[in-house]
Amino acid sequence: MDKNGDMDLLIKEEILEKAEITAEELIIEIAVHLYDIGRLSMGQARNLAQLDQISFQKELAKRDVYIQYDIKDLETDLENLRKLKGRKAS
């Protein structure tokens, strides 16, 4: 790991060839899997995949991985909507 907290991952070319996948595709697969099992948040996973939010969501959809949305997320969204509604009324 370097001073920025970054780490290189070395994968033999023969592994990528055998899997018929590019290095970029492998990173996306890893990011999607870690998101799917709840080890990474959406933001963390898309940063790992080096994709914007829409592109990452498309990758999730291709793999039938659903966006994780729980009660806490709903409460946060509702609070944000209340704040926005309050601003418009002012």
PDB file of N, CA and C in Angstrom:
ATOM      1  N   MET A   1       0.848  -1.170   0.000  1.00  0.00           N
ATOM      2  CA  MET A   1       0.000   0.000   0.000  1.00  0.00           C
ATOM      3  C   MET A   1       0.895   1.235   0.000  1.00  0.00           C
ATOM      4  N   ASP A   2       0.541   2.221  -0.814  1.00  0.00           N
ATOM      5  CA  ASP A   2       1.364   3.427  -0.865  1.00  0.00           C
ATOM      6  C   ASP A   2       0.884   4.447   0.165  1.00  0.00           C
ATOM      7  N   LYS A   3       1.534   5.604   0.178  1.00  0.00           N
ATOM      8  CA  LYS A   3       1.224   6.627   1.183  1.00  0.00           C
ATOM      9  C   LYS A   3      -0.189   7.196   1.043  1.00  0.00           C
ATOM     10  N   ASN A   4      -0.805   7.036  -0.129  1.00  0.00           N
ATOM     11  CA  ASN A   4      -2.174   7.506  -0.349  1.00  0.00           C
ATOM     12  C   ASN A   4      -3.211   6.461   0.051  1.00  0.00           C
ATOM     13  N   GLY A   5      -2.728   5.295   0.479  1.00  0.00           N
ATOM     14  CA  GLY A   5      -3.642   4.214   0.830  1.00  0.00           C
ATOM     15  C   GLY A   5      -4.063   3.388  -0.372  1.00  0.00           C
ATOM     16  N   ASP A   6      -3.390   3.574  -1.513  1.00  0.00           N
ATOM     17  CA  ASP A   6      -3.698   2.812  -2.720  1.00  0.00           C
ATOM     18  C   ASP A   6      -2.867   1.538  -2.742  1.00  0.00           C
ATOM     19  N   MET A   7      -3.422   0.506  -3.390  1.00  0.00           N
ATOM     20  CA  MET A   7      -2.725  -0.760  -3.476  1.00  0.00           C
ATOM     21  C   MET A   7      -2.867  -1.306  -4.891  1.00  0.00           C
ATOM     22  N   ASP A   8      -1.789  -1.832  -5.426  1.00  0.00           N
ATOM     23  CA  ASP A   8      -1.830  -2.480  -6.732  1.00  0.00           C
ATOM     24  C   ASP A   8      -2.202  -3.942  -6.540  1.00  0.00           C
ATOM     25  N   LEU A   9      -2.965  -4.474  -7.483  1.00  0.00           N
ATOM     26  CA  LEU A   9      -3.344  -5.878  -7.477  1.00  0.00           C
ATOM     27  C   LEU A   9      -2.808  -6.486  -8.761  1.00  0.00           C
ATOM     28  N   LEU A  10      -1.923  -7.448  -8.636  1.00  0.00           N
ATOM     29  CA  LEU A  10      -1.328  -8.085  -9.803  1.00  0.00           C
ATOM     30  C   LEU A  10      -2.071  -9.376 -10.122  1.00  0.00           C
ATOM     31  N   ILE A  11      -2.525  -9.473 -11.363  1.00  0.00           N
ATOM     32  CA  ILE A  11      -3.221 -10.671 -11.817  1.00  0.00           C
ATOM     33  C   ILE A  11      -2.544 -11.120 -13.099  1.00  0.00           C
ATOM     34  N   LYS A  12      -2.198 -12.380 -13.135  1.00  0.00           N
ATOM     35  CA  LYS A  12      -1.511 -12.895 -14.321  1.00  0.00           C
ATOM     36  C   LYS A  12      -2.421 -12.788 -15.541  1.00  0.00           C
ATOM     37  N   GLU A  13      -1.805 -12.411 -16.649  1.00  0.00           N
ATOM     38  CA  GLU A  13      -2.538 -12.261 -17.906  1.00  0.00           C
ATOM     39  C   GLU A  13      -3.261 -13.556 -18.277  1.00  0.00           C
ATOM     40  N   GLU A  14      -2.648 -14.688 -17.980  1.00  0.00           N
ATOM     41  CA  GLU A  14      -3.267 -15.971 -18.328  1.00  0.00           C
ATOM     42  C   GLU A  14      -4.600 -16.176 -17.593  1.00  0.00           C
ATOM     43  N   ILE A  15      -4.715 -15.621 -16.393  1.00  0.00           N
ATOM     44  CA  ILE A  15      -5.972 -15.719 -15.645  1.00  0.00           C
ATOM     45  C   ILE A  15      -7.055 -14.912 -16.357  1.00  0.00           C
ATOM     46  N   LEU A  16      -6.699 -13.699 -16.776  1.00  0.00           N
ATOM     47  CA  LEU A  16      -7.655 -12.863 -17.501  1.00  0.00           C
ATOM     48  C   LEU A  16      -8.064 -13.523 -18.818  1.00  0.00           C
ATOM     49  N   GLU A  17      -7.091 -14.099 -19.510  1.00  0.00           N
ATOM     50  CA  GLU A  17      -7.385 -14.767 -20.776  1.00  0.00           C
ATOM     51  C   GLU A  17      -8.301 -15.964 -20.552  1.00  0.00           C
ATOM     52  N   LYS A  18      -8.002 -16.754 -19.533  1.00  0.00           N
ATOM     53  CA  LYS A  18      -8.817 -17.937 -19.228  1.00  0.00           C
ATOM     54  C   LYS A  18     -10.251 -17.525 -18.885  1.00  0.00           C
ATOM     55  N   ALA A  19     -10.391 -16.439 -18.154  1.00  0.00           N
ATOM     56  CA  ALA A  19     -11.714 -15.941 -17.766  1.00  0.00           C
ATOM     57  C   ALA A  19     -12.382 -15.150 -18.888  1.00  0.00           C
ATOM     58  N   GLU A  20     -11.639 -14.894 -19.964  1.00  0.00           N
ATOM     59  CA  GLU A  20     -12.130 -14.101 -21.092  1.00  0.00           C
ATOM     60  C   GLU A  20     -12.674 -12.761 -20.610  1.00  0.00           C
ATOM     61  N   ILE A  21     -11.818 -12.044 -19.880  1.00  0.00           N
ATOM     62  CA  ILE A  21     -12.209 -10.783 -19.267  1.00  0.00           C
ATOM     63  C   ILE A  21     -11.021  -9.830 -19.285  1.00  0.00           C
ATOM     64  N   THR A  22     -11.300  -8.539 -19.386  1.00  0.00           N
ATOM     65  CA  THR A  22     -10.226  -7.548 -19.300  1.00  0.00           C
ATOM     66  C   THR A  22     -10.004  -7.184 -17.836  1.00  0.00           C
ATOM     67  N   ALA A  23      -8.910  -6.517 -17.567  1.00  0.00           N
ATOM     68  CA  ALA A  23      -8.624  -6.070 -16.201  1.00  0.00           C
ATOM     69  C   ALA A  23      -9.717  -5.120 -15.713  1.00  0.00           C
ATOM     70  N   GLU A  24     -10.182  -4.234 -16.588  1.00  0.00           N
ATOM     71  CA  GLU A  24     -11.227  -3.286 -16.222  1.00  0.00           C
ATOM     72  C   GLU A  24     -12.532  -4.010 -15.891  1.00  0.00           C
ATOM     73  N   GLU A  25     -12.865  -5.020 -16.699  1.00  0.00           N
ATOM     74  CA  GLU A  25     -14.082  -5.795 -16.444  1.00  0.00           C
ATOM     75  C   GLU A  25     -13.981  -6.562 -15.127  1.00  0.00           C
ATOM     76  N   LEU A  26     -12.797  -7.062 -14.820  1.00  0.00           N
ATOM     77  CA  LEU A  26     -12.599  -7.784 -13.562  1.00  0.00           C
ATOM     78  C   LEU A  26     -12.829  -6.869 -12.366  1.00  0.00           C
ATOM     79  N   ILE A  27     -12.314  -5.662 -12.437  1.00  0.00           N
ATOM     80  CA  ILE A  27     -12.505  -4.706 -11.344  1.00  0.00           C
ATOM     81  C   ILE A  27     -13.995  -4.391 -11.170  1.00  0.00           C
ATOM     82  N   ILE A  28     -14.708  -4.248 -12.282  1.00  0.00           N
ATOM     83  CA  ILE A  28     -16.151  -4.005 -12.197  1.00  0.00           C
ATOM     84  C   ILE A  28     -16.846  -5.202 -11.551  1.00  0.00           C
ATOM     85  N   GLU A  29     -16.464  -6.412 -11.956  1.00  0.00           N
ATOM     86  CA  GLU A  29     -17.053  -7.618 -11.364  1.00  0.00           C
ATOM     87  C   GLU A  29     -16.822  -7.656  -9.856  1.00  0.00           C
ATOM     88  N   ILE A  30     -15.613  -7.341  -9.444  1.00  0.00           N
ATOM     89  CA  ILE A  30     -15.286  -7.333  -8.014  1.00  0.00           C
ATOM     90  C   ILE A  30     -16.123  -6.281  -7.292  1.00  0.00           C
ATOM     91  N   ALA A  31     -16.198  -5.090  -7.868  1.00  0.00           N
ATOM     92  CA  ALA A  31     -16.959  -3.999  -7.250  1.00  0.00           C
ATOM     93  C   ALA A  31     -18.438  -4.361  -7.121  1.00  0.00           C
ATOM     94  N   VAL A  32     -19.014  -4.920  -8.176  1.00  0.00           N
ATOM     95  CA  VAL A  32     -20.424  -5.312  -8.149  1.00  0.00           C
ATOM     96  C   VAL A  32     -20.653  -6.386  -7.087  1.00  0.00           C
ATOM     97  N   HIS A  33     -19.776  -7.369  -7.049  1.00  0.00           N
ATOM     98  CA  HIS A  33     -19.928  -8.446  -6.064  1.00  0.00           C
ATOM     99  C   HIS A  33     -19.842  -7.908  -4.636  1.00  0.00           C
ATOM    100  N   LEU A  34     -18.853  -7.077  -4.371  1.00  0.00           N
ATOM    101  CA  LEU A  34     -18.701  -6.530  -3.019  1.00  0.00           C
ATOM    102  C   LEU A  34     -19.888  -5.651  -2.629  1.00  0.00           C
ATOM    103  N   TYR A  35     -20.453  -4.943  -3.593  1.00  0.00           N
ATOM    104  CA  TYR A  35     -21.669  -4.167  -3.329  1.00  0.00           C
ATOM    105  C   TYR A  35     -22.839  -5.108  -3.045  1.00  0.00           C
ATOM    106  N   ASP A  36     -22.970  -6.132  -3.866  1.00  0.00           N
ATOM    107  CA  ASP A  36     -24.087  -7.070  -3.752  1.00  0.00           C
ATOM    108  C   ASP A  36     -24.113  -7.772  -2.393  1.00  0.00           C
ATOM    109  N   ILE A  37     -22.948  -8.101  -1.858  1.00  0.00           N
ATOM    110  CA  ILE A  37     -22.906  -8.798  -0.564  1.00  0.00           C
ATOM    111  C   ILE A  37     -22.832  -7.829   0.610  1.00  0.00           C
ATOM    112  N   GLY A  38     -22.902  -6.530   0.305  1.00  0.00           N
ATOM    113  CA  GLY A  38     -22.968  -5.526   1.361  1.00  0.00           C
ATOM    114  C   GLY A  38     -21.642  -5.142   1.986  1.00  0.00           C
ATOM    115  N   ARG A  39     -20.549  -5.490   1.336  1.00  0.00           N
ATOM    116  CA  ARG A  39     -19.233  -5.146   1.880  1.00  0.00           C
ATOM    117  C   ARG A  39     -18.797  -3.739   1.496  1.00  0.00           C
ATOM    118  N   LEU A  40     -19.363  -3.212   0.392  1.00  0.00           N
ATOM    119  CA  LEU A  40     -19.082  -1.841  -0.043  1.00  0.00           C
ATOM    120  C   LEU A  40     -20.397  -1.112  -0.273  1.00  0.00           C
ATOM    121  N   SER A  41     -20.386   0.179   0.009  1.00  0.00           N
ATOM    122  CA  SER A  41     -21.542   1.014  -0.325  1.00  0.00           C
ATOM    123  C   SER A  41     -21.547   1.250  -1.835  1.00  0.00           C
ATOM    124  N   MET A  42     -22.618   1.820  -2.317  1.00  0.00           N
ATOM    125  CA  MET A  42     -22.698   2.152  -3.744  1.00  0.00           C
ATOM    126  C   MET A  42     -21.551   3.077  -4.140  1.00  0.00           C
ATOM    127  N   GLY A  43     -21.307   4.109  -3.353  1.00  0.00           N
ATOM    128  CA  GLY A  43     -20.237   5.055  -3.667  1.00  0.00           C
ATOM    129  C   GLY A  43     -18.869   4.399  -3.664  1.00  0.00           C
ATOM    130  N   GLN A  44     -18.614   3.564  -2.675  1.00  0.00           N
ATOM    131  CA  GLN A  44     -17.325   2.879  -2.602  1.00  0.00           C
ATOM    132  C   GLN A  44     -17.150   1.939  -3.786  1.00  0.00           C
ATOM    133  N   ALA A  45     -18.205   1.202  -4.114  1.00  0.00           N
ATOM    134  CA  ALA A  45     -18.124   0.239  -5.214  1.00  0.00           C
ATOM    135  C   ALA A  45     -17.927   0.936  -6.555  1.00  0.00           C
ATOM    136  N   ARG A  46     -18.646   2.026  -6.773  1.00  0.00           N
ATOM    137  CA  ARG A  46     -18.475   2.707  -8.067  1.00  0.00           C
ATOM    138  C   ARG A  46     -17.117   3.384  -8.163  1.00  0.00           C
ATOM    139  N   ASN A  47     -16.583   3.829  -7.025  1.00  0.00           N
ATOM    140  CA  ASN A  47     -15.222   4.370  -7.043  1.00  0.00           C
ATOM    141  C   ASN A  47     -14.218   3.281  -7.385  1.00  0.00           C
ATOM    142  N   LEU A  48     -14.395   2.100  -6.807  1.00  0.00           N
ATOM    143  CA  LEU A  48     -13.513   0.978  -7.138  1.00  0.00           C
ATOM    144  C   LEU A  48     -13.608   0.656  -8.624  1.00  0.00           C
ATOM    145  N   ALA A  49     -14.822   0.644  -9.148  1.00  0.00           N
ATOM    146  CA  ALA A  49     -15.042   0.338 -10.565  1.00  0.00           C
ATOM    147  C   ALA A  49     -14.649   1.493 -11.480  1.00  0.00           C
ATOM    148  N   GLN A  50     -14.412   2.660 -10.900  1.00  0.00           N
ATOM    149  CA  GLN A  50     -14.080   3.876 -11.643  1.00  0.00           C
ATOM    150  C   GLN A  50     -15.178   4.231 -12.651  1.00  0.00           C
ATOM    151  N   LEU A  51     -16.423   4.175 -12.139  1.00  0.00           N
ATOM    152  CA  LEU A  51     -17.586   4.499 -12.963  1.00  0.00           C
ATOM    153  C   LEU A  51     -18.411   5.578 -12.281  1.00  0.00           C
ATOM    154  N   ASP A  52     -19.136   6.358 -13.091  1.00  0.00           N
ATOM    155  CA  ASP A  52     -20.085   7.305 -12.504  1.00  0.00           C
ATOM    156  C   ASP A  52     -21.299   6.510 -12.017  1.00  0.00           C
ATOM    157  N   GLN A  53     -22.177   7.164 -11.288  1.00  0.00           N
ATOM    158  CA  GLN A  53     -23.290   6.464 -10.652  1.00  0.00           C
ATOM    159  C   GLN A  53     -24.200   5.767 -11.661  1.00  0.00           C
ATOM    160  N   ILE A  54     -24.555   6.446 -12.737  1.00  0.00           N
ATOM    161  CA  ILE A  54     -25.452   5.852 -13.735  1.00  0.00           C
ATOM    162  C   ILE A  54     -24.806   4.636 -14.386  1.00  0.00           C
ATOM    163  N   SER A  55     -23.537   4.747 -14.761  1.00  0.00           N
ATOM    164  CA  SER A  55     -22.841   3.621 -15.393  1.00  0.00           C
ATOM    165  C   SER A  55     -22.753   2.431 -14.446  1.00  0.00           C
ATOM    166  N   PHE A  56     -22.481   2.708 -13.162  1.00  0.00           N
ATOM    167  CA  PHE A  56     -22.398   1.612 -12.200  1.00  0.00           C
ATOM    168  C   PHE A  56     -23.766   0.957 -12.029  1.00  0.00           C
ATOM    169  N   GLN A  57     -24.820   1.756 -11.982  1.00  0.00           N
ATOM    170  CA  GLN A  57     -26.163   1.188 -11.858  1.00  0.00           C
ATOM    171  C   GLN A  57     -26.515   0.333 -13.075  1.00  0.00           C
ATOM    172  N   LYS A  58     -26.046   0.724 -14.251  1.00  0.00           N
ATOM    173  CA  LYS A  58     -26.262  -0.091 -15.452  1.00  0.00           C
ATOM    174  C   LYS A  58     -25.540  -1.428 -15.322  1.00  0.00           C
ATOM    175  N   GLU A  59     -24.327  -1.395 -14.754  1.00  0.00           N
ATOM    176  CA  GLU A  59     -23.581  -2.640 -14.536  1.00  0.00           C
ATOM    177  C   GLU A  59     -24.318  -3.537 -13.542  1.00  0.00           C
ATOM    178  N   LEU A  60     -24.903  -2.936 -12.511  1.00  0.00           N
ATOM    179  CA  LEU A  60     -25.701  -3.716 -11.558  1.00  0.00           C
ATOM    180  C   LEU A  60     -26.882  -4.365 -12.275  1.00  0.00           C
ATOM    181  N   ALA A  61     -27.572  -3.585 -13.099  1.00  0.00           N
ATOM    182  CA  ALA A  61     -28.754  -4.090 -13.804  1.00  0.00           C
ATOM    183  C   ALA A  61     -28.402  -5.241 -14.743  1.00  0.00           C
ATOM    184  N   LYS A  62     -27.264  -5.137 -15.431  1.00  0.00           N
ATOM    185  CA  LYS A  62     -26.832  -6.209 -16.336  1.00  0.00           C
ATOM    186  C   LYS A  62     -26.695  -7.535 -15.602  1.00  0.00           C
ATOM    187  N   ARG A  63     -26.382  -7.450 -14.311  1.00  0.00           N
ATOM    188  CA  ARG A  63     -26.127  -8.648 -13.503  1.00  0.00           C
ATOM    189  C   ARG A  63     -27.297  -8.975 -12.576  1.00  0.00           C
ATOM    190  N   ASP A  64     -28.420  -8.301 -12.788  1.00  0.00           N
ATOM    191  CA  ASP A  64     -29.601  -8.489 -11.937  1.00  0.00           C
ATOM    192  C   ASP A  64     -29.293  -8.272 -10.461  1.00  0.00           C
ATOM    193  N   VAL A  65     -28.448  -7.289 -10.172  1.00  0.00           N
ATOM    194  CA  VAL A  65     -28.144  -6.908  -8.792  1.00  0.00           C
ATOM    195  C   VAL A  65     -28.976  -5.670  -8.485  1.00  0.00           C
ATOM    196  N   TYR A  66     -29.742  -5.755  -7.428  1.00  0.00           N
ATOM    197  CA  TYR A  66     -30.647  -4.669  -7.080  1.00  0.00           C
ATOM    198  C   TYR A  66     -29.959  -3.629  -6.213  1.00  0.00           C
ATOM    199  N   ILE A  67     -30.402  -2.390  -6.358  1.00  0.00           N
ATOM    200  CA  ILE A  67     -29.892  -1.306  -5.524  1.00  0.00           C
ATOM    201  C   ILE A  67     -30.391  -1.538  -4.108  1.00  0.00           C
ATOM    202  N   GLN A  68     -29.476  -1.473  -3.170  1.00  0.00           N
ATOM    203  CA  GLN A  68     -29.824  -1.689  -1.768  1.00  0.00           C
ATOM    204  C   GLN A  68     -30.406  -0.396  -1.214  1.00  0.00           C
ATOM    205  N   TYR A  69     -31.630  -0.491  -0.748  1.00  0.00           N
ATOM    206  CA  TYR A  69     -32.356   0.684  -0.266  1.00  0.00           C
ATOM    207  C   TYR A  69     -33.119   0.245   0.969  1.00  0.00           C
ATOM    208  N   ASP A  70     -32.739   0.765   2.110  1.00  0.00           N
ATOM    209  CA  ASP A  70     -33.369   0.329   3.352  1.00  0.00           C
ATOM    210  C   ASP A  70     -34.163   1.467   3.994  1.00  0.00           C
ATOM    211  N   ILE A  71     -34.709   1.192   5.151  1.00  0.00           N
ATOM    212  CA  ILE A  71     -35.528   2.175   5.869  1.00  0.00           C
ATOM    213  C   ILE A  71     -34.736   3.453   6.152  1.00  0.00           C
ATOM    214  N   LYS A  72     -33.477   3.296   6.526  1.00  0.00           N
ATOM    215  CA  LYS A  72     -32.641   4.467   6.811  1.00  0.00           C
ATOM    216  C   LYS A  72     -32.518   5.349   5.563  1.00  0.00           C
ATOM    217  N   ASP A  73     -32.316   4.716   4.400  1.00  0.00           N
ATOM    218  CA  ASP A  73     -32.236   5.473   3.147  1.00  0.00           C
ATOM    219  C   ASP A  73     -33.550   6.206   2.872  1.00  0.00           C
ATOM    220  N   LEU A  74     -34.668   5.516   3.101  1.00  0.00           N
ATOM    221  CA  LEU A  74     -35.977   6.135   2.896  1.00  0.00           C
ATOM    222  C   LEU A  74     -36.161   7.334   3.820  1.00  0.00           C
ATOM    223  N   GLU A  75     -35.802   7.167   5.088  1.00  0.00           N
ATOM    224  CA  GLU A  75     -35.936   8.268   6.047  1.00  0.00           C
ATOM    225  C   GLU A  75     -35.078   9.465   5.644  1.00  0.00           C
ATOM    226  N   THR A  76     -33.859   9.192   5.179  1.00  0.00           N
ATOM    227  CA  THR A  76     -32.971  10.262   4.719  1.00  0.00           C
ATOM    228  C   THR A  76     -33.581  10.983   3.520  1.00  0.00           C
ATOM    229  N   ASP A  77     -34.110  10.217   2.566  1.00  0.00           N
ATOM    230  CA  ASP A  77     -34.730  10.823   1.387  1.00  0.00           C
ATOM    231  C   ASP A  77     -35.945  11.664   1.767  1.00  0.00           C
ATOM    232  N   LEU A  78     -36.764  11.146   2.681  1.00  0.00           N
ATOM    233  CA  LEU A  78     -37.936  11.904   3.113  1.00  0.00           C
ATOM    234  C   LEU A  78     -37.536  13.202   3.803  1.00  0.00           C
ATOM    235  N   GLU A  79     -36.509  13.145   4.633  1.00  0.00           N
ATOM    236  CA  GLU A  79     -36.025  14.353   5.312  1.00  0.00           C
ATOM    237  C   GLU A  79     -35.507  15.372   4.295  1.00  0.00           C
ATOM    238  N   ASN A  80     -34.768  14.892   3.304  1.00  0.00           N
ATOM    239  CA  ASN A  80     -34.261  15.790   2.260  1.00  0.00           C
ATOM    240  C   ASN A  80     -35.405  16.427   1.473  1.00  0.00           C
ATOM    241  N   LEU A  81     -36.447  15.648   1.191  1.00  0.00           N
ATOM    242  CA  LEU A  81     -37.613  16.203   0.490  1.00  0.00           C
ATOM    243  C   LEU A  81     -38.311  17.267   1.327  1.00  0.00           C
ATOM    244  N   ARG A  82     -38.422  17.016   2.634  1.00  0.00           N
ATOM    245  CA  ARG A  82     -39.034  18.014   3.521  1.00  0.00           C
ATOM    246  C   ARG A  82     -38.239  19.316   3.502  1.00  0.00           C
ATOM    247  N   LYS A  83     -36.920  19.186   3.532  1.00  0.00           N
ATOM    248  CA  LYS A  83     -36.064  20.376   3.502  1.00  0.00           C
ATOM    249  C   LYS A  83     -36.240  21.130   2.190  1.00  0.00           C
ATOM    250  N   LEU A  84     -36.272  20.392   1.086  1.00  0.00           N
ATOM    251  CA  LEU A  84     -36.459  21.035  -0.218  1.00  0.00           C
ATOM    252  C   LEU A  84     -37.820  21.714  -0.306  1.00  0.00           C
ATOM    253  N   LYS A  85     -38.836  21.058   0.195  1.00  0.00           N
ATOM    254  CA  LYS A  85     -40.177  21.639   0.184  1.00  0.00           C
ATOM    255  C   LYS A  85     -40.209  22.912   1.025  1.00  0.00           C
ATOM    256  N   GLY A  86     -39.520  22.900   2.163  1.00  0.00           N
ATOM    257  CA  GLY A  86     -39.441  24.076   3.025  1.00  0.00           C
ATOM    258  C   GLY A  86     -38.747  25.238   2.347  1.00  0.00           C
ATOM    259  N   ARG A  87     -37.738  24.958   1.548  1.00  0.00           N
ATOM    260  CA  ARG A  87     -37.025  26.020   0.821  1.00  0.00           C
ATOM    261  C   ARG A  87     -37.916  26.657  -0.231  1.00  0.00           C
ATOM    262  N   LYS A  88     -38.712  25.841  -0.907  1.00  0.00           N
ATOM    263  CA  LYS A  88     -39.595  26.372  -1.955  1.00  0.00           C
ATOM    264  C   LYS A  88     -40.677  27.261  -1.360  1.00  0.00           C
ATOM    265  N   ALA A  89     -41.131  26.924  -0.154  1.00  0.00           N
ATOM    266  CA  ALA A  89     -42.184  27.708   0.498  1.00  0.00           C
ATOM    267  C   ALA A  89     -41.669  29.066   0.961  1.00  0.00           C
ATOM    268  N   SER A  90     -40.387  29.183   1.186  1.00  0.00           N
ATOM    269  CA  SER A  90     -39.806  30.445   1.697  1.00  0.00           C
ATOM    270  C   SER A  90     -39.794  31.529   0.656  1.00  0.00           C
TER     271      SER A  90
END
